[in-house]
Each structure stands twice: as C-alpha cells, then as structure tokens.
N, C-alpha and C. Protein backbone atom coordinates (compact mmCIF):
# COMPACT_ATOMS: atom_id res chain seq x y z
N MET A 1 155.93 83.54 263.00
CA MET A 1 155.42 83.17 261.71
C MET A 1 155.40 81.70 261.61
N ALA A 2 156.65 81.12 262.23
CA ALA A 2 156.74 79.58 262.15
C ALA A 2 155.15 78.67 262.96
N GLY A 3 155.22 79.07 264.23
CA GLY A 3 153.69 78.40 264.76
C GLY A 3 152.60 78.35 263.76
N LEU A 4 152.55 79.86 263.17
CA LEU A 4 151.43 80.24 262.10
C LEU A 4 151.46 79.34 260.71
N LEU A 5 152.69 78.69 260.34
CA LEU A 5 152.75 77.88 259.41
C LEU A 5 152.35 75.92 259.81
N TRP A 6 152.99 76.43 260.96
CA TRP A 6 152.52 74.83 261.78
C TRP A 6 151.04 74.25 262.06
N ALA A 7 150.51 75.62 262.62
CA ALA A 7 149.10 75.57 262.83
C ALA A 7 147.98 75.34 261.22
N ILE A 8 148.50 76.14 260.56
CA ILE A 8 148.10 75.71 258.78
C ILE A 8 148.28 74.09 258.33
N ILE A 9 149.58 74.19 258.63
CA ILE A 9 149.93 72.71 258.05
C ILE A 9 149.06 71.80 258.97
N VAL A 10 148.75 71.40 260.14
CA VAL A 10 147.68 70.63 261.03
C VAL A 10 146.06 70.94 260.46
N ILE A 11 146.05 72.62 260.54
CA ILE A 11 144.50 72.13 259.92
C ILE A 11 144.58 71.46 258.46
N LEU A 12 145.28 71.98 257.44
CA LEU A 12 144.91 71.38 256.16
C LEU A 12 145.05 69.62 256.43
N VAL A 13 145.79 68.96 257.23
CA VAL A 13 146.03 67.80 257.14
C VAL A 13 144.95 67.31 258.07
N VAL A 14 144.59 67.51 258.88
CA VAL A 14 143.37 67.08 259.73
C VAL A 14 141.84 67.30 258.41
N LEU A 15 141.47 68.40 258.10
CA LEU A 15 140.84 68.46 256.95
C LEU A 15 141.07 67.35 255.89
N TRP A 16 142.18 67.36 255.43
CA TRP A 16 142.06 65.77 254.41
C TRP A 16 141.65 64.49 255.13
N LEU A 17 142.97 64.27 256.41
CA LEU A 17 141.73 63.27 256.82
C LEU A 17 140.22 62.92 257.27
N ILE A 18 139.84 64.06 257.29
CA ILE A 18 138.63 64.38 257.46
C ILE A 18 138.05 63.96 256.14
N GLY A 19 138.38 64.37 254.95
CA GLY A 19 137.70 64.36 253.76
C GLY A 19 137.79 62.86 253.29
N PHE A 20 139.06 62.25 253.49
CA PHE A 20 139.33 61.33 253.19
C PHE A 20 138.90 60.06 253.40
N VAL A 21 138.55 60.44 255.10
CA VAL A 21 137.79 58.84 255.77
C VAL A 21 136.51 59.28 255.74
N PHE A 22 135.81 60.28 255.80
CA PHE A 22 134.32 60.46 256.29
C PHE A 22 133.91 60.96 254.68
N VAL A 23 133.89 61.72 253.69
CA VAL A 23 133.72 62.10 252.66
C VAL A 23 134.70 61.89 251.31
N HIS A 24 133.77 61.06 250.42
CA HIS A 24 135.03 60.87 249.53
C HIS A 24 134.10 61.48 248.09
N VAL A 25 133.57 63.06 248.30
CA VAL A 25 133.08 63.88 247.48
C VAL A 25 134.30 64.90 247.30
N GLY A 26 134.53 65.41 246.44
CA GLY A 26 135.54 66.41 246.34
C GLY A 26 136.78 66.20 246.42
N GLY A 27 136.87 65.12 246.20
CA GLY A 27 138.33 64.44 246.70
C GLY A 27 139.55 64.86 245.90
N GLY A 28 139.26 65.45 244.66
CA GLY A 28 140.74 67.00 244.39
C GLY A 28 140.95 67.78 245.29
N LEU A 29 140.15 68.33 245.83
CA LEU A 29 139.84 69.66 246.76
C LEU A 29 140.75 69.29 248.00
N ILE A 30 140.35 67.76 247.67
CA ILE A 30 140.95 67.69 249.66
C ILE A 30 142.71 67.15 249.44
N HIS A 31 142.31 66.67 247.92
CA HIS A 31 144.24 66.09 248.22
C HIS A 31 145.02 67.19 248.01
N ILE A 32 144.54 68.48 247.00
CA ILE A 32 145.40 69.54 247.23
C ILE A 32 145.23 70.37 248.36
N LEU A 33 144.66 70.55 248.87
CA LEU A 33 144.58 70.71 250.36
C LEU A 33 145.95 69.73 250.91
N LEU A 34 146.20 68.91 250.87
CA LEU A 34 147.01 68.08 251.15
C LEU A 34 148.82 68.30 250.58
N VAL A 35 148.89 68.55 249.57
CA VAL A 35 149.91 69.12 249.35
C VAL A 35 150.13 70.46 249.55
N ILE A 36 149.03 71.25 249.31
CA ILE A 36 149.68 72.40 250.14
C ILE A 36 150.13 72.40 251.31
N ALA A 37 149.55 71.77 252.56
CA ALA A 37 150.50 71.96 253.53
C ALA A 37 151.53 71.07 253.50
N ILE A 38 151.82 69.90 252.56
CA ILE A 38 153.40 69.67 252.65
C ILE A 38 154.27 70.28 252.08
N ILE A 39 153.55 71.09 251.00
CA ILE A 39 154.55 72.02 250.65
C ILE A 39 155.00 73.02 251.73
N ILE A 40 154.15 73.74 252.06
CA ILE A 40 154.62 74.46 253.51
C ILE A 40 155.21 73.98 254.54
N LEU A 41 154.94 72.55 254.55
CA LEU A 41 156.22 71.99 255.59
C LEU A 41 157.62 71.77 254.90
N ILE A 42 157.63 71.14 254.01
CA ILE A 42 158.73 71.47 253.21
C ILE A 42 159.39 72.64 253.06
N TRP A 43 158.62 73.60 252.86
CA TRP A 43 159.34 74.94 252.46
C TRP A 43 160.07 75.89 254.31
N ASN A 44 159.24 75.65 255.25
CA ASN A 44 159.36 75.57 256.52
C ASN A 44 160.67 75.00 256.99
N LEU A 45 160.95 73.89 256.62
CA LEU A 45 162.07 72.88 257.04
C LEU A 45 163.26 73.26 256.29
N LEU A 46 163.41 73.60 254.88
CA LEU A 46 164.30 74.15 254.05
C LEU A 46 164.82 75.50 254.78
N THR A 47 163.77 76.49 254.85
CA THR A 47 164.14 77.43 254.67
C THR A 47 164.93 77.52 256.56
N GLY A 48 164.42 76.57 257.26
CA GLY A 48 165.32 76.85 258.64
C GLY A 48 164.47 78.06 259.35
N ARG A 49 163.55 78.78 259.20
CA ARG A 49 162.93 79.41 260.07
C ARG A 49 161.81 79.35 261.66
N GLY A 50 163.42 78.47 262.19
CA GLY A 50 162.27 77.99 263.28
C GLY A 50 162.16 78.74 264.69
N THR A 51 161.75 79.15 265.30
CA THR A 51 162.12 80.09 266.47
C THR A 51 162.90 79.01 267.66
N ARG A 52 163.90 79.75 267.83
CA ARG A 52 164.53 78.47 268.95
C ARG A 52 165.16 80.45 270.13
N ALA A 53 164.77 79.32 271.18
CA ALA A 53 165.22 80.30 272.55
C ALA A 53 166.34 80.26 272.66
C-alpha cells in the first residue's frame, strides 16, 4: 500500500512540474494536484505505515 502512495505522490508531483514549467494554463488544477500529493505524503509519514523488512 505504501508503494502505491509513493507512486501517486511521484506522479502528481511530476504532473505539477510539467504543468508549472511548460503549461501556464489551468494553474489552479495543477496546484490542487500538488496539494493532494503533499497531503498524501504527510499522511503516510504520520501514520507510519511503511513496509519494513
């Protein structure tokens, strides 16, 4: 589950960077995606649901 969250975070941040650098249209949506990625990251860190071997 943690791997899926990290994948979502990476995808959202990459989409935000692409939109921020190349496309200045729809900036509100792109920043909402970034906020969602940060919330997921913080939630994952606070709950401590990391997979440890």
